[in-house]
Amino acid sequence: MKVAYLDAFSGLSGDMTVGALLDCGLDVAALERELAKLDVRGYRVRRETRERSGIRATKFVVEIDDDHSPRRHSHGHSHGERFHRSFRDIRELIRQSALAPRVCELALQVFVRLAEAEGKVHGVEPDEVAFHEVGAIDSIVDIVGAAWGIAALGIEDLVVSPLPLGSGMVRSAHGPLPVPGPATAELLRGFPVRIGDGEGELVTPTGAAIVAALARPGPMPEIVRIERVGYGAGERELADRPNLLRVLVGERATAIGVDSLLVLETNLDDFNPELYGHVMDRLFAEGARDVFLTPIHMKKNRPGMLLSVLADYERRERLVATLFSETSTLGVRVSPVERLRIERETREVETRFGRVRVKLGRDPGGHVNVSPEYEDCRRIAVASGAPLKIVYQEAAAAALSALRSAGPVVRRPRAGGRAKARRLPR
């Protein structure tokens, strides 16, 4: 698995992210060809070489035509003040483009996170959010450029270091704002940060959206060998550190992936057990990764249930709200967890009863675990009259036979799986 580590000792922005990815050996002309697939005009891009504390780095520059009145951003990035787009406009712009499928998917994940954060800050629906800054031409280019770089390098897992957020105030289209800006703070919920570390704004909304959607927080992952190292330069000279973002790319040392998740828990001893099924359905509908019940013995010798929910960071508020509205709980415990997982995929195999989806998991030793989808097997068993266990056994045997002979097997994306740089988005 290809993994990349964003060493953000000076924070990050959209242009610093693209610069670091380009510095890993990517061709800016190839990026220009991909950007040309968007129906966006009035800009030019180029790469420059900058030096920070004796380190050579790549500066990604987006030049906006004069009639868009560019404004210099405090972290070294310009945004068109007059060029505003709603999230609905940007979503359609990307969807209707000829961007490569993974680039399109990753870019949309970033803008979804931005729209949700800006909508919460300003009290509007995500579709109606007007991106005064992040919706300008250069930020669209930065986000699509970052998505392209992640896809071009084949990065499947993106990890980011703790983020220094800086200090002071920053100007915006809404007036002066404290550092970190409201949208940046909202986007980085769940990420380790250092408020007050550094002067000025060190993490921009665009940079925060990229890591919120496509990266996970964590230490430097174990890598067999570092294959590429890139440095992206910011515009400003910082007094206490080089204004750089470093990215290290390599192969993960094992076939084990890591997800940063949350566990939401509550103890229930006064809840109607007939309603648990409905509660679980509602939690899954709101994006829970898993929901399970554990019998427990509570105070006053009451039997009860521990209701546990495994969730992504961005689903926290919705799931907590569901627990409060659908159960009798008065409090929910929230704990960060890391989930270790082996490589997995879902395939379809042909059996004499019909086509069945099969989940395959490869452990670090190279062994394959085969698990036919229960609902597929059950549906076929009911339709054909065959015993369920026979359908199950034949699906597993067909999958193993196809793996041994490299026969025709239809590969399908994992249902509900998050596209990673995440899900990478997030």
Protein backbone atom coordinates (compact mmCIF):
# COMPACT_ATOMS: atom_id res chain seq x y z
CA MET A 1 0.00 0.00 0.00
CA LYS A 2 1.33 3.43 -0.98
CA VAL A 3 1.32 5.78 2.02
CA ALA A 4 2.25 9.46 2.33
CA TYR A 5 3.05 11.49 5.45
CA LEU A 6 2.41 15.23 5.55
CA ASP A 7 5.05 16.64 7.91
CA ALA A 8 3.32 19.96 8.56
CA PHE A 9 5.81 21.61 10.94
CA SER A 10 4.88 25.01 9.46
CA GLY A 11 1.21 24.26 8.85
CA LEU A 12 -0.15 23.89 5.35
CA SER A 13 -2.21 25.49 2.62
CA GLY A 14 -3.59 24.35 -0.70
CA ASP A 15 -0.70 25.68 -2.77
CA MET A 16 1.89 24.25 -0.35
CA THR A 17 0.23 20.83 -0.68
CA VAL A 18 0.30 20.95 -4.48
CA GLY A 19 3.88 22.22 -4.42
CA ALA A 20 5.02 19.36 -2.18
CA LEU A 21 3.33 16.78 -4.42
CA LEU A 22 4.89 18.31 -7.55
CA ASP A 23 8.26 18.28 -5.78
CA CYS A 24 7.93 14.49 -5.51
CA GLY A 25 8.68 14.30 -9.24
CA LEU A 26 5.36 15.10 -10.89
CA ASP A 27 5.20 17.12 -14.11
CA VAL A 28 3.43 20.47 -13.92
CA ALA A 29 2.51 20.12 -17.62
CA ALA A 30 0.55 16.96 -16.76
CA LEU A 31 -1.25 18.90 -14.04
CA GLU A 32 -2.10 21.65 -16.53
CA ARG A 33 -3.61 19.09 -18.89
CA GLU A 34 -5.81 17.74 -16.10
CA LEU A 35 -6.87 21.23 -15.00
CA ALA A 36 -7.79 22.06 -18.60
CA LYS A 37 -10.61 19.53 -18.29
CA LEU A 38 -12.40 21.97 -15.96
CA ASP A 39 -14.56 24.72 -17.42
CA VAL A 40 -12.56 27.39 -15.56
CA ARG A 41 -10.73 30.20 -17.32
CA GLY A 42 -8.84 33.33 -16.35
CA TYR A 43 -5.79 31.80 -14.68
CA ARG A 44 -2.33 30.37 -15.34
CA VAL A 45 -0.23 28.03 -13.21
CA ARG A 46 3.51 27.62 -12.91
CA ARG A 47 6.07 26.09 -10.60
CA GLU A 48 8.93 28.06 -9.11
CA THR A 49 11.93 27.07 -7.04
CA ARG A 50 12.24 28.72 -3.63
CA GLU A 51 14.77 28.28 -0.84
CA ARG A 52 13.82 28.17 2.83
CA SER A 53 16.58 27.71 5.45
CA GLY A 54 18.83 26.29 2.75
CA ILE A 55 16.20 23.76 1.58
CA ARG A 56 15.18 23.86 -2.08
CA ALA A 57 11.41 23.64 -2.46
CA THR A 58 8.68 23.96 -5.09
CA LYS A 59 6.32 26.93 -5.02
CA PHE A 60 3.03 26.33 -6.85
CA VAL A 61 1.77 29.63 -8.23
CA VAL A 62 -1.72 30.39 -9.55
CA GLU A 63 -1.90 33.69 -11.46
CA ILE A 64 -5.38 35.17 -11.76
CA ASP A 65 -6.22 37.59 -14.58
CA ASP A 66 -6.39 41.22 -13.49
CA ASP A 67 -10.15 41.50 -13.96
CA HIS A 68 -10.63 39.05 -11.06
CA SER A 69 -8.95 41.46 -8.58
CA PRO A 70 -6.70 39.01 -6.70
CA ARG A 71 -5.99 39.51 -3.02
CA ARG A 72 -2.85 38.21 -1.31
CA HIS A 73 -3.56 35.63 1.39
CA SER A 74 -1.71 35.84 4.71
CA HIS A 75 -0.13 32.41 4.29
CA GLY A 76 1.17 33.27 0.86
CA HIS A 77 -1.82 32.56 -1.35
CA SER A 78 -4.11 34.79 -3.42
CA HIS A 79 -7.88 34.56 -3.70
CA GLY A 80 -10.19 36.32 -6.15
CA GLU A 81 -12.56 38.55 -4.17
CA ARG A 82 -15.06 39.07 -6.96
CA PHE A 83 -15.15 35.46 -8.13
CA HIS A 84 -17.69 33.77 -5.85
CA ARG A 85 -19.31 30.38 -6.46
CA SER A 86 -21.78 28.37 -4.43
CA PHE A 87 -21.02 24.80 -3.46
CA ARG A 88 -23.80 23.70 -5.83
CA ASP A 89 -22.00 25.46 -8.70
CA ILE A 90 -18.65 23.92 -7.82
CA ARG A 91 -20.12 20.43 -7.46
CA GLU A 92 -21.70 20.63 -10.92
CA LEU A 93 -18.51 22.13 -12.39
CA ILE A 94 -16.51 19.12 -11.18
CA ARG A 95 -19.14 16.51 -12.00
CA GLN A 96 -19.59 17.78 -15.56
CA SER A 97 -15.87 17.93 -16.22
CA ALA A 98 -13.72 15.27 -17.88
CA LEU A 99 -11.47 14.92 -14.82
CA ALA A 100 -10.12 11.44 -14.11
CA PRO A 101 -12.63 9.55 -11.90
CA ARG A 102 -10.41 9.42 -8.81
CA VAL A 103 -9.42 13.08 -9.15
CA CYS A 104 -13.10 14.01 -9.43
CA GLU A 105 -14.01 11.89 -6.40
CA LEU A 106 -11.25 13.27 -4.17
CA ALA A 107 -11.89 16.90 -5.15
CA LEU A 108 -15.60 16.52 -4.41
CA GLN A 109 -14.83 15.05 -0.99
CA VAL A 110 -12.77 18.15 -0.14
CA PHE A 111 -15.47 20.57 -1.27
CA VAL A 112 -18.17 18.63 0.61
CA ARG A 113 -16.18 19.07 3.82
CA LEU A 114 -15.70 22.76 3.07
CA ALA A 115 -19.39 23.29 2.38
CA GLU A 116 -20.41 21.52 5.59
CA ALA A 117 -17.95 23.54 7.68
CA GLU A 118 -18.79 26.90 6.10
CA GLY A 119 -22.50 26.12 6.31
CA LYS A 120 -22.28 25.38 10.01
CA VAL A 121 -20.26 28.56 10.67
CA HIS A 122 -22.62 30.83 8.69
CA GLY A 123 -25.89 29.05 9.45
CA VAL A 124 -26.82 28.07 5.88
CA GLU A 125 -27.36 24.82 4.01
CA PRO A 126 -24.18 23.42 2.38
CA ASP A 127 -25.60 23.83 -1.14
CA GLU A 128 -26.15 27.53 -0.51
CA VAL A 129 -22.68 28.29 0.84
CA ALA A 130 -20.98 31.04 -1.16
CA PHE A 131 -17.25 30.45 -1.18
CA HIS A 132 -15.92 33.99 -0.98
CA GLU A 133 -12.37 32.69 -0.67
CA VAL A 134 -12.17 28.92 -1.06
CA GLY A 135 -14.52 29.07 -4.07
CA ALA A 136 -12.27 31.44 -6.04
CA ILE A 137 -10.40 30.23 -9.11
CA ASP A 138 -7.07 29.64 -7.42
CA SER A 139 -8.56 27.56 -4.61
CA ILE A 140 -10.50 25.39 -7.08
CA VAL A 141 -7.18 24.87 -8.85
CA ASP A 142 -5.43 24.07 -5.55
CA ILE A 143 -8.01 21.48 -4.50
CA VAL A 144 -8.20 19.77 -7.88
CA GLY A 145 -4.39 19.97 -8.11
CA ALA A 146 -3.99 18.26 -4.73
CA ALA A 147 -6.48 15.55 -5.74
CA TRP A 148 -4.57 15.03 -8.99
CA GLY A 149 -1.22 14.79 -7.19
CA ILE A 150 -2.51 12.23 -4.71
CA ALA A 151 -3.96 10.13 -7.54
CA ALA A 152 -0.86 10.50 -9.75
CA LEU A 153 1.43 9.28 -6.97
CA GLY A 154 -0.88 6.34 -6.24
CA ILE A 155 -1.30 7.36 -2.59
CA GLU A 156 -3.87 5.19 -0.83
CA ASP A 157 -3.28 6.32 2.76
CA LEU A 158 -2.52 9.94 3.73
CA VAL A 159 -1.38 10.72 7.28
CA VAL A 160 -0.84 14.21 8.70
CA SER A 161 1.25 15.34 11.68
CA PRO A 162 -0.06 17.62 14.47
CA LEU A 163 -0.80 21.04 13.01
CA PRO A 164 0.50 24.38 14.31
CA LEU A 165 -2.33 26.88 13.82
CA GLY A 166 -0.50 30.17 14.35
CA SER A 167 -1.90 33.20 16.15
CA GLY A 168 -3.32 36.69 15.68
CA MET A 169 -6.00 37.89 13.28
CA VAL A 170 -6.57 37.42 9.56
CA ARG A 171 -8.56 39.51 7.10
CA SER A 172 -11.40 37.89 5.18
CA ALA A 173 -14.37 38.85 3.03
CA HIS A 174 -16.44 38.87 6.25
CA GLY A 175 -14.02 41.14 8.11
CA PRO A 176 -11.20 40.38 10.58
CA LEU A 177 -11.24 36.86 12.01
CA PRO A 178 -9.25 35.19 14.79
CA VAL A 179 -6.63 32.58 13.94
CA PRO A 180 -7.56 29.82 13.34
CA GLY A 181 -10.50 31.00 11.28
CA PRO A 182 -13.93 29.58 12.18
CA ALA A 183 -14.08 27.28 9.14
CA THR A 184 -10.53 26.03 9.75
CA ALA A 185 -11.34 25.26 13.38
CA GLU A 186 -14.50 23.41 12.36
CA LEU A 187 -12.66 21.37 9.73
CA LEU A 188 -9.90 20.31 12.11
CA ARG A 189 -12.13 18.92 14.85
CA GLY A 190 -10.58 15.63 15.93
CA PHE A 191 -7.11 16.52 14.62
CA PRO A 192 -4.20 17.18 17.02
CA VAL A 193 -3.35 20.91 16.79
CA ARG A 194 -1.23 23.50 18.57
CA ILE A 195 -3.10 26.80 18.96
CA GLY A 196 -0.79 29.79 19.35
CA ASP A 197 2.19 28.00 17.79
CA GLY A 198 3.63 30.44 15.22
CA GLU A 199 2.72 33.90 13.96
CA GLY A 200 -0.16 34.61 11.60
CA GLU A 201 -2.32 32.00 9.89
CA LEU A 202 -0.39 28.77 9.34
CA VAL A 203 -3.29 26.53 8.25
CA THR A 204 -5.63 27.94 5.62
CA PRO A 205 -9.23 26.76 5.07
CA THR A 206 -8.20 25.09 1.82
CA GLY A 207 -5.34 23.21 3.51
CA ALA A 208 -7.59 22.24 6.42
CA ALA A 209 -10.25 20.92 4.03
CA ILE A 210 -7.74 18.77 2.15
CA VAL A 211 -6.52 17.01 5.29
CA ALA A 212 -10.00 16.83 6.85
CA ALA A 213 -11.38 15.05 3.78
CA LEU A 214 -8.44 12.97 2.62
CA ALA A 215 -6.04 12.42 5.53
CA ARG A 216 -6.05 11.00 9.02
CA PRO A 217 -4.05 12.26 11.99
CA GLY A 218 -1.25 10.09 13.29
CA PRO A 219 2.47 9.56 13.73
CA MET A 220 4.82 8.84 10.86
CA PRO A 221 3.66 5.46 9.50
CA GLU A 222 6.04 2.53 9.29
CA ILE A 223 7.43 2.52 5.76
CA VAL A 224 9.61 -0.18 4.15
CA ARG A 225 11.52 2.47 2.23
CA ILE A 226 10.99 6.16 1.52
CA GLU A 227 10.57 6.47 -2.23
CA ARG A 228 9.97 10.20 -2.64
CA VAL A 229 10.41 13.34 -0.53
CA GLY A 230 8.90 16.66 -1.59
CA TYR A 231 8.86 20.17 -0.17
CA GLY A 232 6.14 22.72 -0.90
CA ALA A 233 6.95 26.37 -0.15
CA GLY A 234 4.66 29.02 1.27
CA GLU A 235 4.99 32.67 0.25
CA ARG A 236 5.98 34.26 3.56
CA GLU A 237 9.30 34.09 5.35
CA LEU A 238 8.67 32.88 8.91
CA ALA A 239 10.98 33.99 11.71
CA ASP A 240 11.00 30.76 13.72
CA ARG A 241 10.83 28.01 11.07
CA PRO A 242 11.11 27.37 7.32
CA ASN A 243 7.73 27.97 5.67
CA LEU A 244 7.59 24.51 4.11
CA LEU A 245 5.35 21.46 3.94
CA ARG A 246 7.24 18.18 3.63
CA VAL A 247 5.68 15.03 2.20
CA LEU A 248 7.28 11.58 2.42
CA VAL A 249 5.94 8.83 0.17
CA GLY A 250 6.67 5.10 0.34
CA GLU A 251 5.30 1.60 0.72
CA ARG A 252 3.74 0.63 4.03
CA ALA A 253 5.83 -1.92 5.90
CA THR A 254 2.89 -4.27 6.40
CA ALA A 255 -0.42 -4.98 4.72
CA ILE A 256 -2.19 -3.57 7.77
CA GLY A 257 -4.00 -0.27 7.33
CA VAL A 258 -4.98 2.12 10.12
CA ASP A 259 -8.20 4.08 10.46
CA SER A 260 -8.62 6.86 13.04
CA LEU A 261 -12.18 6.50 14.35
CA LEU A 262 -14.39 7.34 17.32
CA VAL A 263 -16.34 5.09 19.66
CA LEU A 264 -19.60 6.58 20.97
CA GLU A 265 -21.03 4.73 23.98
CA THR A 266 -23.97 4.99 26.33
CA ASN A 267 -25.39 2.75 29.08
CA LEU A 268 -29.13 2.14 28.94
CA ASP A 269 -31.23 0.48 31.65
CA ASP A 270 -34.61 2.18 31.13
CA PHE A 271 -35.08 1.81 27.38
CA ASN A 272 -37.72 -0.28 25.62
CA PRO A 273 -35.80 -3.21 24.05
CA GLU A 274 -38.30 -3.36 21.19
CA LEU A 275 -36.82 -0.10 19.88
CA TYR A 276 -33.19 -1.16 19.61
CA GLY A 277 -33.60 -2.40 16.04
CA HIS A 278 -34.95 0.98 14.94
CA VAL A 279 -32.14 2.83 16.74
CA MET A 280 -29.51 0.69 15.02
CA ASP A 281 -31.09 1.32 11.61
CA ARG A 282 -31.10 5.08 12.25
CA LEU A 283 -27.45 5.06 13.32
CA PHE A 284 -26.38 3.15 10.23
CA ALA A 285 -28.39 5.57 8.08
CA GLU A 286 -26.40 8.44 9.62
CA GLY A 287 -23.10 6.83 8.61
CA ALA A 288 -22.06 4.63 11.55
CA ARG A 289 -19.33 2.14 10.68
CA ASP A 290 -20.69 -0.39 13.18
CA VAL A 291 -23.31 -0.55 15.94
CA PHE A 292 -23.47 -3.24 18.61
CA LEU A 293 -25.08 -4.03 21.97
CA THR A 294 -23.40 -5.59 25.01
CA PRO A 295 -25.38 -6.84 28.04
CA ILE A 296 -24.11 -5.17 31.23
CA HIS A 297 -25.05 -5.13 34.93
CA MET A 298 -25.59 -1.60 36.20
CA LYS A 299 -26.10 0.14 39.53
CA LYS A 300 -29.03 -0.84 41.76
CA ASN A 301 -28.68 -4.38 40.33
CA ARG A 302 -30.33 -3.38 37.07
CA PRO A 303 -29.62 -5.31 33.87
CA GLY A 304 -28.82 -2.94 31.02
CA MET A 305 -27.28 -2.58 27.58
CA LEU A 306 -24.09 -0.87 26.47
CA LEU A 307 -24.85 0.70 23.08
CA SER A 308 -21.62 1.23 21.13
CA VAL A 309 -21.17 3.05 17.82
CA LEU A 310 -18.00 3.02 15.70
CA ALA A 311 -17.82 6.15 13.58
CA ASP A 312 -15.72 8.52 11.48
CA TYR A 313 -14.84 11.86 13.09
CA GLU A 314 -17.01 13.82 10.68
CA ARG A 315 -20.11 11.80 11.62
CA ARG A 316 -19.84 12.56 15.34
CA GLU A 317 -22.43 15.33 15.63
CA ARG A 318 -25.10 13.55 13.59
CA LEU A 319 -24.67 10.28 15.44
CA VAL A 320 -24.65 11.89 18.89
CA ALA A 321 -27.81 13.80 17.96
CA THR A 322 -29.42 10.52 16.88
CA LEU A 323 -28.52 8.85 20.18
CA PHE A 324 -30.10 11.70 22.14
CA SER A 325 -33.24 11.83 20.01
CA GLU A 326 -33.85 8.09 19.60
CA THR A 327 -32.88 6.71 23.04
CA SER A 328 -33.41 7.63 26.68
CA THR A 329 -29.75 8.46 27.31
CA LEU A 330 -28.70 11.66 29.09
CA GLY A 331 -25.02 11.42 28.11
CA VAL A 332 -22.72 9.91 25.50
CA ARG A 333 -19.05 9.00 26.00
CA VAL A 334 -16.71 9.71 23.08
CA SER A 335 -13.32 8.00 22.76
CA PRO A 336 -10.78 8.14 19.90
CA VAL A 337 -9.60 4.74 18.68
CA GLU A 338 -7.36 3.32 15.97
CA ARG A 339 -8.68 0.43 13.93
CA LEU A 340 -6.10 -1.86 12.34
CA ARG A 341 -7.37 -3.54 9.20
CA ILE A 342 -5.99 -5.88 6.58
CA GLU A 343 -6.25 -5.15 2.88
CA ARG A 344 -9.67 -6.03 1.59
CA GLU A 345 -11.77 -5.97 -1.53
CA THR A 346 -15.14 -7.20 -2.75
CA ARG A 347 -15.43 -9.36 -5.85
CA GLU A 348 -18.23 -11.14 -7.66
CA VAL A 349 -17.93 -14.81 -8.55
CA GLU A 350 -20.08 -17.09 -10.68
CA THR A 351 -21.64 -20.18 -9.10
CA ARG A 352 -24.12 -22.64 -10.57
CA PHE A 353 -26.80 -20.83 -8.57
CA GLY A 354 -25.88 -17.33 -9.76
CA ARG A 355 -23.49 -14.47 -9.07
CA VAL A 356 -22.39 -13.85 -5.47
CA ARG A 357 -20.33 -11.05 -3.93
CA VAL A 358 -17.39 -12.27 -1.84
CA LYS A 359 -15.21 -10.25 0.55
CA LEU A 360 -11.50 -11.07 0.41
CA GLY A 361 -9.05 -10.02 3.11
CA ARG A 362 -5.27 -10.48 2.86
CA ASP A 363 -3.34 -10.66 6.13
CA PRO A 364 0.33 -9.58 6.47
CA GLY A 365 1.42 -13.17 5.86
CA GLY A 366 -0.29 -13.25 2.49
CA HIS A 367 -3.14 -15.57 3.55
CA VAL A 368 -6.57 -14.85 2.13
CA ASN A 369 -9.76 -14.82 4.19
CA VAL A 370 -12.89 -15.49 2.12
CA SER A 371 -16.34 -14.38 3.28
CA PRO A 372 -19.33 -14.65 0.91
CA GLU A 373 -21.96 -11.95 1.37
CA TYR A 374 -24.73 -13.45 3.49
CA GLU A 375 -27.57 -11.49 1.87
CA ASP A 376 -26.53 -12.57 -1.65
CA CYS A 377 -26.34 -16.22 -0.57
CA ARG A 378 -29.65 -16.03 1.26
CA ARG A 379 -31.42 -14.40 -1.70
CA ILE A 380 -30.10 -17.08 -4.08
CA ALA A 381 -30.96 -19.89 -1.66
CA VAL A 382 -34.56 -18.68 -1.35
CA ALA A 383 -34.92 -18.24 -5.12
CA SER A 384 -33.34 -21.57 -6.04
CA GLY A 385 -34.47 -23.75 -3.15
CA ALA A 386 -30.86 -24.79 -2.51
CA PRO A 387 -29.62 -25.07 1.09
CA LEU A 388 -28.04 -21.82 2.23
CA LYS A 389 -24.91 -23.57 3.47
CA ILE A 390 -24.35 -25.12 0.03
CA VAL A 391 -24.64 -21.74 -1.73
CA TYR A 392 -22.22 -20.30 0.82
CA GLN A 393 -19.69 -23.10 0.37
CA GLU A 394 -19.81 -22.94 -3.46
CA ALA A 395 -19.30 -19.15 -3.45
CA ALA A 396 -16.24 -19.49 -1.21
CA ALA A 397 -14.86 -22.31 -3.37
CA ALA A 398 -15.42 -20.29 -6.57
CA ALA A 399 -13.56 -17.31 -5.13
CA LEU A 400 -10.57 -19.42 -4.07
CA SER A 401 -10.51 -21.18 -7.44
CA ALA A 402 -10.54 -17.85 -9.27
CA LEU A 403 -7.65 -16.58 -7.15
CA ARG A 404 -5.57 -19.69 -7.85
CA SER A 405 -6.22 -19.72 -11.59
CA ALA A 406 -6.41 -15.94 -12.11
CA GLY A 407 -9.69 -16.60 -13.85
CA PRO A 408 -12.28 -13.97 -14.76
CA VAL A 409 -13.52 -12.27 -11.62
CA VAL A 410 -15.48 -9.03 -11.63
CA ARG A 411 -14.02 -6.51 -9.16
CA ARG A 412 -16.39 -4.13 -7.44
CA PRO A 413 -15.67 -1.16 -5.14
CA ARG A 414 -16.34 -1.85 -1.46
CA ALA A 415 -19.84 -0.66 -0.59
CA GLY A 416 -19.76 2.39 1.62
CA GLY A 417 -15.96 2.51 1.48
CA ARG A 418 -14.31 5.92 1.90
CA ALA A 419 -11.90 6.82 -0.90
CA LYS A 420 -8.51 7.49 0.78
CA ALA A 421 -5.51 9.49 -0.38
CA ARG A 422 -8.46 8.11 2.70
CA ARG A 423 -10.28 7.40 1.95
CA LEU A 424 -7.77 8.89 1.68
CA PRO A 425 -11.75 12.33 2.47
CA ARG A 426 -11.26 12.03 5.27
